[in-house]
Amino acid sequence: MVLGGRGARVIEEIEEIDLIEEIDLIEGYRLYLIYLLYLIYFSYLIYFSYPIYSLLGIVVVTSLVR
């Protein structure tokens, strides 16, 4: 069955919204993974006695992710 006019536009808009939500979800996961990698990296810096740089980096990454 072929939908014409308004019905087809509504379906297209719903599909676009779903795609945007998926992209936002992927972007959120990507930021979360970057955040975890930076936390691991800066925890190693703390371990190797660079506490000032590592704490500053954690603060910067946290502010960027939010």
PDB file of N, CA and C in Angstrom:
ATOM      1  N   MET A   1       0.844  -1.188   0.000  1.00  0.00           N
ATOM      2  CA  MET A   1       0.000   0.000   0.000  1.00  0.00           C
ATOM      3  C   MET A   1       0.884   1.245   0.000  1.00  0.00           C
ATOM      4  N   VAL A   2       0.584   2.166  -0.849  1.00  0.00           N
ATOM      5  CA  VAL A   2       1.377   3.386  -0.951  1.00  0.00           C
ATOM      6  C   VAL A   2       0.676   4.494  -0.188  1.00  0.00           C
ATOM      7  N   LEU A   3       1.409   5.083   0.754  1.00  0.00           N
ATOM      8  CA  LEU A   3       0.849   6.208   1.495  1.00  0.00           C
ATOM      9  C   LEU A   3       1.204   7.495   0.782  1.00  0.00           C
ATOM     10  N   GLY A   4       0.253   8.367   0.696  1.00  0.00           N
ATOM     11  CA  GLY A   4       0.535   9.643   0.056  1.00  0.00           C
ATOM     12  C   GLY A   4       0.276  10.783   1.022  1.00  0.00           C
ATOM     13  N   GLY A   5       0.822  11.920   0.692  1.00  0.00           N
ATOM     14  CA  GLY A   5       0.529  13.121   1.465  1.00  0.00           C
ATOM     15  C   GLY A   5       1.069  13.085   2.877  1.00  0.00           C
ATOM     16  N   ARG A   6       0.167  13.396   3.811  1.00  0.00           N
ATOM     17  CA  ARG A   6       0.581  13.603   5.195  1.00  0.00           C
ATOM     18  C   ARG A   6       1.093  12.326   5.866  1.00  0.00           C
ATOM     19  N   GLY A   7       0.467  11.190   5.594  1.00  0.00           N
ATOM     20  CA  GLY A   7       0.868   9.937   6.233  1.00  0.00           C
ATOM     21  C   GLY A   7       2.307   9.564   5.925  1.00  0.00           C
ATOM     22  N   ALA A   8       2.712   9.748   4.686  1.00  0.00           N
ATOM     23  CA  ALA A   8       4.090   9.427   4.296  1.00  0.00           C
ATOM     24  C   ALA A   8       5.079  10.352   4.988  1.00  0.00           C
ATOM     25  N   ARG A   9       4.705  11.631   5.111  1.00  0.00           N
ATOM     26  CA  ARG A   9       5.609  12.575   5.775  1.00  0.00           C
ATOM     27  C   ARG A   9       5.771  12.240   7.251  1.00  0.00           C
ATOM     28  N   VAL A  10       4.678  11.839   7.894  1.00  0.00           N
ATOM     29  CA  VAL A  10       4.745  11.476   9.318  1.00  0.00           C
ATOM     30  C   VAL A  10       5.674  10.289   9.507  1.00  0.00           C
ATOM     31  N   ILE A  11       5.554   9.283   8.644  1.00  0.00           N
ATOM     32  CA  ILE A  11       6.416   8.105   8.750  1.00  0.00           C
ATOM     33  C   ILE A  11       7.876   8.489   8.528  1.00  0.00           C
ATOM     34  N   GLU A  12       8.141   9.351   7.548  1.00  0.00           N
ATOM     35  CA  GLU A  12       9.521   9.789   7.305  1.00  0.00           C
ATOM     36  C   GLU A  12      10.080  10.539   8.506  1.00  0.00           C
ATOM     37  N   GLU A  13       9.262  11.396   9.133  1.00  0.00           N
ATOM     38  CA  GLU A  13       9.721  12.148  10.303  1.00  0.00           C
ATOM     39  C   GLU A  13      10.026  11.209  11.461  1.00  0.00           C
ATOM     40  N   ILE A  14       9.193  10.197  11.651  1.00  0.00           N
ATOM     41  CA  ILE A  14       9.438   9.231  12.733  1.00  0.00           C
ATOM     42  C   ILE A  14      10.755   8.497  12.488  1.00  0.00           C
ATOM     43  N   GLU A  15      11.017   8.096  11.239  1.00  0.00           N
ATOM     44  CA  GLU A  15      12.272   7.409  10.925  1.00  0.00           C
ATOM     45  C   GLU A  15      13.467   8.322  11.165  1.00  0.00           C
ATOM     46  N   GLU A  16      13.339   9.613  10.827  1.00  0.00           N
ATOM     47  CA  GLU A  16      14.435  10.556  11.066  1.00  0.00           C
ATOM     48  C   GLU A  16      14.695  10.721  12.556  1.00  0.00           C
ATOM     49  N   ILE A  17      13.633  10.790  13.356  1.00  0.00           N
ATOM     50  CA  ILE A  17      13.798  10.933  14.807  1.00  0.00           C
ATOM     51  C   ILE A  17      14.514   9.714  15.372  1.00  0.00           C
ATOM     52  N   ASP A  18      14.132   8.507  14.922  1.00  0.00           N
ATOM     53  CA  ASP A  18      14.796   7.288  15.391  1.00  0.00           C
ATOM     54  C   ASP A  18      16.283   7.317  15.058  1.00  0.00           C
ATOM     55  N   LEU A  19      16.621   7.767  13.850  1.00  0.00           N
ATOM     56  CA  LEU A  19      18.020   7.834  13.433  1.00  0.00           C
ATOM     57  C   LEU A  19      18.793   8.825  14.296  1.00  0.00           C
ATOM     58  N   ILE A  20      18.193   9.977  14.575  1.00  0.00           N
ATOM     59  CA  ILE A  20      18.852  10.987  15.417  1.00  0.00           C
ATOM     60  C   ILE A  20      19.088  10.436  16.818  1.00  0.00           C
ATOM     61  N   GLU A  21      18.100   9.721  17.378  1.00  0.00           N
ATOM     62  CA  GLU A  21      18.262   9.141  18.713  1.00  0.00           C
ATOM     63  C   GLU A  21      19.389   8.114  18.725  1.00  0.00           C
ATOM     64  N   GLU A  22      19.489   7.302  17.674  1.00  0.00           N
ATOM     65  CA  GLU A  22      20.571   6.317  17.606  1.00  0.00           C
ATOM     66  C   GLU A  22      21.928   7.004  17.536  1.00  0.00           C
ATOM     67  N   ILE A  23      22.034   8.077  16.753  1.00  0.00           N
ATOM     68  CA  ILE A  23      23.299   8.807  16.650  1.00  0.00           C
ATOM     69  C   ILE A  23      23.668   9.408  18.001  1.00  0.00           C
ATOM     70  N   ASP A  24      22.680   9.978  18.717  1.00  0.00           N
ATOM     71  CA  ASP A  24      22.945  10.542  20.043  1.00  0.00           C
ATOM     72  C   ASP A  24      23.422   9.463  21.003  1.00  0.00           C
ATOM     73  N   LEU A  25      22.825   8.283  20.913  1.00  0.00           N
ATOM     74  CA  LEU A  25      23.216   7.185  21.792  1.00  0.00           C
ATOM     75  C   LEU A  25      24.647   6.748  21.507  1.00  0.00           C
ATOM     76  N   ILE A  26      24.996   6.623  20.230  1.00  0.00           N
ATOM     77  CA  ILE A  26      26.358   6.241  19.854  1.00  0.00           C
ATOM     78  C   ILE A  26      27.342   7.302  20.326  1.00  0.00           C
ATOM     79  N   GLU A  27      26.996   8.578  20.144  1.00  0.00           N
ATOM     80  CA  GLU A  27      27.857   9.676  20.577  1.00  0.00           C
ATOM     81  C   GLU A  27      28.054   9.626  22.093  1.00  0.00           C
ATOM     82  N   GLY A  28      26.989   9.317  22.820  1.00  0.00           N
ATOM     83  CA  GLY A  28      27.094   9.205  24.270  1.00  0.00           C
ATOM     84  C   GLY A  28      28.028   8.078  24.686  1.00  0.00           C
ATOM     85  N   TYR A  29      27.906   6.918  24.028  1.00  0.00           N
ATOM     86  CA  TYR A  29      28.801   5.805  24.344  1.00  0.00           C
ATOM     87  C   TYR A  29      30.246   6.149  24.014  1.00  0.00           C
ATOM     88  N   ARG A  30      30.448   6.867  22.907  1.00  0.00           N
ATOM     89  CA  ARG A  30      31.799   7.236  22.508  1.00  0.00           C
ATOM     90  C   ARG A  30      32.425   8.162  23.553  1.00  0.00           C
ATOM     91  N   LEU A  31      31.667   9.145  24.009  1.00  0.00           N
ATOM     92  CA  LEU A  31      32.178  10.051  25.040  1.00  0.00           C
ATOM     93  C   LEU A  31      32.469   9.292  26.330  1.00  0.00           C
ATOM     94  N   TYR A  32      31.594   8.326  26.670  1.00  0.00           N
ATOM     95  CA  TYR A  32      31.796   7.544  27.884  1.00  0.00           C
ATOM     96  C   TYR A  32      33.072   6.714  27.779  1.00  0.00           C
ATOM     97  N   LEU A  33      33.330   6.117  26.627  1.00  0.00           N
ATOM     98  CA  LEU A  33      34.554   5.330  26.449  1.00  0.00           C
ATOM     99  C   LEU A  33      35.795   6.211  26.513  1.00  0.00           C
ATOM    100  N   ILE A  34      35.728   7.398  25.885  1.00  0.00           N
ATOM    101  CA  ILE A  34      36.861   8.327  25.964  1.00  0.00           C
ATOM    102  C   ILE A  34      37.106   8.716  27.413  1.00  0.00           C
ATOM    103  N   TYR A  35      36.034   8.971  28.145  1.00  0.00           N
ATOM    104  CA  TYR A  35      36.146   9.340  29.556  1.00  0.00           C
ATOM    105  C   TYR A  35      36.819   8.221  30.355  1.00  0.00           C
ATOM    106  N   LEU A  36      36.407   6.979  30.121  1.00  0.00           N
ATOM    107  CA  LEU A  36      37.025   5.857  30.838  1.00  0.00           C
ATOM    108  C   LEU A  36      38.500   5.707  30.488  1.00  0.00           C
ATOM    109  N   LEU A  37      38.834   5.864  29.211  1.00  0.00           N
ATOM    110  CA  LEU A  37      40.238   5.758  28.808  1.00  0.00           C
ATOM    111  C   LEU A  37      41.082   6.842  29.469  1.00  0.00           C
ATOM    112  N   TYR A  38      40.556   8.061  29.523  1.00  0.00           N
ATOM    113  CA  TYR A  38      41.296   9.129  30.183  1.00  0.00           C
ATOM    114  C   TYR A  38      41.443   8.865  31.675  1.00  0.00           C
ATOM    115  N   LEU A  39      40.400   8.331  32.305  1.00  0.00           N
ATOM    116  CA  LEU A  39      40.509   8.008  33.732  1.00  0.00           C
ATOM    117  C   LEU A  39      41.593   6.967  33.973  1.00  0.00           C
ATOM    118  N   ILE A  40      41.644   5.945  33.128  1.00  0.00           N
ATOM    119  CA  ILE A  40      42.689   4.924  33.264  1.00  0.00           C
ATOM    120  C   ILE A  40      44.065   5.544  33.058  1.00  0.00           C
ATOM    121  N   TYR A  41      44.183   6.371  32.016  1.00  0.00           N
ATOM    122  CA  TYR A  41      45.462   7.016  31.708  1.00  0.00           C
ATOM    123  C   TYR A  41      45.923   7.895  32.863  1.00  0.00           C
ATOM    124  N   PHE A  42      45.020   8.715  33.388  1.00  0.00           N
ATOM    125  CA  PHE A  42      45.417   9.627  34.456  1.00  0.00           C
ATOM    126  C   PHE A  42      45.629   8.894  35.778  1.00  0.00           C
ATOM    127  N   SER A  43      44.969   7.762  35.971  1.00  0.00           N
ATOM    128  CA  SER A  43      45.256   6.986  37.176  1.00  0.00           C
ATOM    129  C   SER A  43      46.667   6.408  37.108  1.00  0.00           C
ATOM    130  N   TYR A  44      47.124   6.049  35.894  1.00  0.00           N
ATOM    131  CA  TYR A  44      48.524   5.641  35.750  1.00  0.00           C
ATOM    132  C   TYR A  44      49.466   6.800  36.031  1.00  0.00           C
ATOM    133  N   LEU A  45      49.091   8.013  35.613  1.00  0.00           N
ATOM    134  CA  LEU A  45      49.924   9.174  35.916  1.00  0.00           C
ATOM    135  C   LEU A  45      50.017   9.402  37.423  1.00  0.00           C
ATOM    136  N   ILE A  46      48.892   9.205  38.122  1.00  0.00           N
ATOM    137  CA  ILE A  46      48.936   9.326  39.581  1.00  0.00           C
ATOM    138  C   ILE A  46      49.896   8.284  40.147  1.00  0.00           C
ATOM    139  N   TYR A  47      49.797   7.072  39.626  1.00  0.00           N
ATOM    140  CA  TYR A  47      50.647   5.991  40.117  1.00  0.00           C
ATOM    141  C   TYR A  47      52.120   6.310  39.907  1.00  0.00           C
ATOM    142  N   PHE A  48      52.445   6.966  38.803  1.00  0.00           N
ATOM    143  CA  PHE A  48      53.836   7.322  38.537  1.00  0.00           C
ATOM    144  C   PHE A  48      54.178   8.727  39.019  1.00  0.00           C
ATOM    145  N   SER A  49      53.472   9.172  40.041  1.00  0.00           N
ATOM    146  CA  SER A  49      53.755  10.401  40.799  1.00  0.00           C
ATOM    147  C   SER A  49      53.694  11.684  39.980  1.00  0.00           C
ATOM    148  N   TYR A  50      52.631  11.833  39.233  1.00  0.00           N
ATOM    149  CA  TYR A  50      52.322  13.123  38.604  1.00  0.00           C
ATOM    150  C   TYR A  50      50.916  13.545  39.031  1.00  0.00           C
ATOM    151  N   PRO A  51      50.680  13.707  40.314  1.00  0.00           N
ATOM    152  CA  PRO A  51      49.296  13.911  40.774  1.00  0.00           C
ATOM    153  C   PRO A  51      48.664  15.210  40.271  1.00  0.00           C
ATOM    154  N   ILE A  52      49.441  16.278  40.137  1.00  0.00           N
ATOM    155  CA  ILE A  52      48.862  17.563  39.736  1.00  0.00           C
ATOM    156  C   ILE A  52      48.341  17.488  38.299  1.00  0.00           C
ATOM    157  N   TYR A  53      49.162  16.955  37.381  1.00  0.00           N
ATOM    158  CA  TYR A  53      48.742  16.862  35.984  1.00  0.00           C
ATOM    159  C   TYR A  53      47.562  15.913  35.817  1.00  0.00           C
ATOM    160  N   SER A  54      47.590  14.803  36.515  1.00  0.00           N
ATOM    161  CA  SER A  54      46.531  13.821  36.338  1.00  0.00           C
ATOM    162  C   SER A  54      45.209  14.331  36.899  1.00  0.00           C
ATOM    163  N   LEU A  55      45.240  14.991  38.047  1.00  0.00           N
ATOM    164  CA  LEU A  55      43.996  15.521  38.603  1.00  0.00           C
ATOM    165  C   LEU A  55      43.439  16.630  37.716  1.00  0.00           C
ATOM    166  N   LEU A  56      44.311  17.461  37.188  1.00  0.00           N
ATOM    167  CA  LEU A  56      43.875  18.512  36.268  1.00  0.00           C
ATOM    168  C   LEU A  56      43.234  17.892  35.021  1.00  0.00           C
ATOM    169  N   GLY A  57      43.838  16.837  34.511  1.00  0.00           N
ATOM    170  CA  GLY A  57      43.286  16.165  33.336  1.00  0.00           C
ATOM    171  C   GLY A  57      41.927  15.554  33.607  1.00  0.00           C
ATOM    172  N   ILE A  58      41.754  14.943  34.779  1.00  0.00           N
ATOM    173  CA  ILE A  58      40.460  14.357  35.130  1.00  0.00           C
ATOM    174  C   ILE A  58      39.396  15.450  35.204  1.00  0.00           C
ATOM    175  N   VAL A  59      39.735  16.586  35.789  1.00  0.00           N
ATOM    176  CA  VAL A  59      38.778  17.695  35.877  1.00  0.00           C
ATOM    177  C   VAL A  59      38.406  18.196  34.481  1.00  0.00           C
ATOM    178  N   VAL A  60      39.395  18.334  33.608  1.00  0.00           N
ATOM    179  CA  VAL A  60      39.134  18.826  32.246  1.00  0.00           C
ATOM    180  C   VAL A  60      38.254  17.845  31.480  1.00  0.00           C
ATOM    181  N   VAL A  61      38.576  16.565  31.539  1.00  0.00           N
ATOM    182  CA  VAL A  61      37.793  15.563  30.804  1.00  0.00           C
ATOM    183  C   VAL A  61      36.373  15.494  31.347  1.00  0.00           C
ATOM    184  N   THR A  62      36.227  15.567  32.672  1.00  0.00           N
ATOM    185  CA  THR A  62      34.892  15.530  33.267  1.00  0.00           C
ATOM    186  C   THR A  62      34.060  16.718  32.794  1.00  0.00           C
ATOM    187  N   SER A  63      34.667  17.888  32.749  1.00  0.00           N
ATOM    188  CA  SER A  63      33.918  19.067  32.297  1.00  0.00           C
ATOM    189  C   SER A  63      33.578  18.968  30.812  1.00  0.00           C
ATOM    190  N   LEU A  64      34.447  18.352  30.000  1.00  0.00           N
ATOM    191  CA  LEU A  64      34.160  18.203  28.571  1.00  0.00           C
ATOM    192  C   LEU A  64      33.026  17.214  28.323  1.00  0.00           C
ATOM    193  N   VAL A  65      33.000  16.129  29.095  1.00  0.00           N
ATOM    194  CA  VAL A  65      31.984  15.102  28.871  1.00  0.00           C
ATOM    195  C   VAL A  65      30.608  15.612  29.291  1.00  0.00           C
ATOM    196  N   ARG A  66      30.551  16.373  30.365  1.00  0.00           N
ATOM    197  CA  ARG A  66      29.256  16.919  30.783  1.00  0.00           C
ATOM    198  C   ARG A  66      28.881  17.989  29.827  1.00  0.00           C
TER     199      ARG A  66
END
